[in-house]
Amino acid sequence: MAVTSNRERALQVVLVVLGLGTAVTNISALVTSLLALRPTGGTTAPMFYTILAALGVFLVLAARNPSAYRSLIAYAVWSSFAHTAVMALMAIQLPTKRGELLAGVVVTGLAAVLLFVLAPRKELVRIPQP
């Protein structure tokens, strides 16, 4: 049985919480969007919800062995930072949506920072000296 550090345990908890939150939120938004008589987000929103729901599911799966999912975790971090930046710019441009967008900036930005800080480090390969 492998020994798990406090940091890895914290990462596993963050992955499950963020993964479930992302999956459930986006599946709910997807279903609502698809069942609406008039889609409110156009054609792009349902596709976006699908991608994020899938990411959420894979973040939950990554909690079993975070080191094996370093690339997925890195994608989640950097795509969240990019998403946060876009939401912040949109908050400046759309005063009527500012509160909603800034709330998204806080949640998404915090998730990105948590994953970044806790992400597994690349293991160095040691080459034996002759």
Protein backbone atom coordinates (compact mmCIF):
# COMPACT_ATOMS: atom_id res chain seq x y z
CA MET A 1 0.00 0.00 0.00
CA ALA A 2 1.42 3.37 -1.04
CA VAL A 3 2.01 6.10 1.51
CA THR A 4 0.13 9.28 0.67
CA SER A 5 1.49 12.67 1.72
CA ASN A 6 -0.74 15.40 3.13
CA ARG A 7 -0.21 17.39 -0.04
CA GLU A 8 -1.28 14.49 -2.28
CA ARG A 9 -4.31 13.82 -0.06
CA ALA A 10 -5.28 17.51 -0.33
CA LEU A 11 -4.87 17.33 -4.11
CA GLN A 12 -7.10 14.26 -4.24
CA VAL A 13 -9.81 16.06 -2.26
CA VAL A 14 -9.54 19.15 -4.49
CA LEU A 15 -9.71 17.01 -7.63
CA VAL A 16 -12.86 15.23 -6.45
CA VAL A 17 -14.59 18.42 -5.25
CA LEU A 18 -13.69 20.44 -8.36
CA GLY A 19 -14.36 17.51 -10.66
CA LEU A 20 -17.80 16.78 -9.22
CA GLY A 21 -18.68 20.47 -9.10
CA THR A 22 -17.58 21.00 -12.69
CA ALA A 23 -19.33 17.88 -13.98
CA VAL A 24 -22.62 18.42 -12.13
CA THR A 25 -22.81 22.15 -12.89
CA ASN A 26 -22.13 21.70 -16.57
CA ILE A 27 -24.31 18.63 -17.06
CA SER A 28 -27.15 20.57 -15.42
CA ALA A 29 -26.50 23.58 -17.67
CA LEU A 30 -26.30 21.32 -20.71
CA VAL A 31 -29.60 19.59 -19.97
CA THR A 32 -31.28 22.91 -19.23
CA SER A 33 -29.92 24.38 -22.45
CA LEU A 34 -30.97 21.41 -24.57
CA LEU A 35 -34.47 21.24 -23.05
CA ALA A 36 -35.14 24.97 -23.35
CA LEU A 37 -37.69 25.94 -25.97
CA ARG A 38 -35.36 28.73 -26.99
CA PRO A 39 -31.69 27.99 -26.33
CA THR A 40 -30.34 30.92 -24.35
CA GLY A 41 -26.65 30.41 -25.11
CA GLY A 42 -26.84 29.85 -28.85
CA THR A 43 -25.02 26.86 -30.26
CA THR A 44 -21.70 27.34 -28.51
CA ALA A 45 -22.86 27.06 -24.90
CA PRO A 46 -24.01 23.40 -25.07
CA MET A 47 -20.71 22.38 -26.66
CA PHE A 48 -18.79 24.28 -23.98
CA TYR A 49 -20.84 22.59 -21.24
CA THR A 50 -20.06 19.19 -22.75
CA ILE A 51 -16.31 19.80 -22.74
CA LEU A 52 -16.32 21.06 -19.16
CA ALA A 53 -18.53 18.18 -17.96
CA ALA A 54 -16.07 15.69 -19.47
CA LEU A 55 -13.16 17.53 -17.83
CA GLY A 56 -14.96 17.29 -14.49
CA VAL A 57 -15.40 13.53 -14.83
CA PHE A 58 -11.73 13.07 -15.67
CA LEU A 59 -10.62 15.25 -12.74
CA VAL A 60 -12.52 12.88 -10.44
CA LEU A 61 -10.79 9.91 -12.10
CA ALA A 62 -7.42 11.66 -11.70
CA ALA A 63 -7.87 11.71 -7.93
CA ARG A 64 -7.02 7.98 -7.81
CA ASN A 65 -3.47 8.59 -9.07
CA PRO A 66 -2.72 12.30 -9.59
CA SER A 67 0.87 11.73 -10.76
CA ALA A 68 -0.39 9.68 -13.69
CA TYR A 69 -2.67 12.57 -14.71
CA ARG A 70 -0.17 15.44 -14.58
CA SER A 71 -1.01 16.58 -18.12
CA LEU A 72 -4.75 16.63 -17.44
CA ILE A 73 -4.22 18.59 -14.23
CA ALA A 74 -1.95 21.04 -16.09
CA TYR A 75 -4.65 21.46 -18.74
CA ALA A 76 -7.23 22.14 -16.03
CA VAL A 77 -4.94 24.73 -14.42
CA TRP A 78 -4.00 26.66 -17.55
CA SER A 79 -7.42 26.51 -19.19
CA SER A 80 -8.90 27.80 -15.92
CA PHE A 81 -6.41 30.68 -15.83
CA ALA A 82 -7.29 31.54 -19.44
CA HIS A 83 -11.02 31.30 -18.70
CA THR A 84 -10.55 33.52 -15.64
CA ALA A 85 -8.74 36.16 -17.70
CA VAL A 86 -11.50 36.21 -20.32
CA MET A 87 -14.20 36.51 -17.66
CA ALA A 88 -12.33 39.39 -16.03
CA LEU A 89 -12.11 41.25 -19.35
CA MET A 90 -15.78 40.58 -20.04
CA ALA A 91 -16.67 41.95 -16.59
CA ILE A 92 -15.04 45.23 -17.60
CA GLN A 93 -16.90 45.32 -20.92
CA LEU A 94 -20.32 44.17 -19.69
CA PRO A 95 -21.40 46.19 -16.65
CA THR A 96 -24.82 44.48 -16.52
CA LYS A 97 -23.15 41.08 -16.08
CA ARG A 98 -20.25 42.30 -13.91
CA GLY A 99 -21.29 40.66 -10.63
CA GLU A 100 -21.94 37.28 -12.22
CA LEU A 101 -18.67 37.38 -14.14
CA LEU A 102 -16.59 38.50 -11.17
CA ALA A 103 -18.06 35.67 -9.08
CA GLY A 104 -16.92 33.31 -11.83
CA VAL A 105 -13.48 34.93 -11.80
CA VAL A 106 -13.14 34.24 -8.07
CA VAL A 107 -14.34 30.63 -8.23
CA THR A 108 -12.42 29.66 -11.38
CA GLY A 109 -9.30 31.56 -10.33
CA LEU A 110 -9.28 29.94 -6.89
CA ALA A 111 -9.70 26.48 -8.44
CA ALA A 112 -6.79 27.14 -10.80
CA VAL A 113 -4.53 28.36 -7.99
CA LEU A 114 -5.39 25.38 -5.77
CA LEU A 115 -4.64 22.90 -8.55
CA PHE A 116 -1.44 24.76 -9.51
CA VAL A 117 -0.11 24.76 -5.95
CA LEU A 118 -1.02 21.13 -5.26
CA ALA A 119 -0.23 19.64 -8.69
CA PRO A 120 2.22 16.75 -8.68
CA ARG A 121 5.74 17.76 -9.57
CA LYS A 122 7.57 16.15 -12.43
CA GLU A 123 9.77 13.38 -11.16
CA LEU A 124 13.37 13.68 -12.22
CA VAL A 125 14.83 10.64 -13.87
CA ARG A 126 18.14 9.81 -12.27
CA ILE A 127 20.72 8.30 -14.57
CA PRO A 128 23.10 6.00 -12.72
CA GLN A 129 26.71 7.11 -12.86
CA PRO A 130 29.22 4.50 -14.07
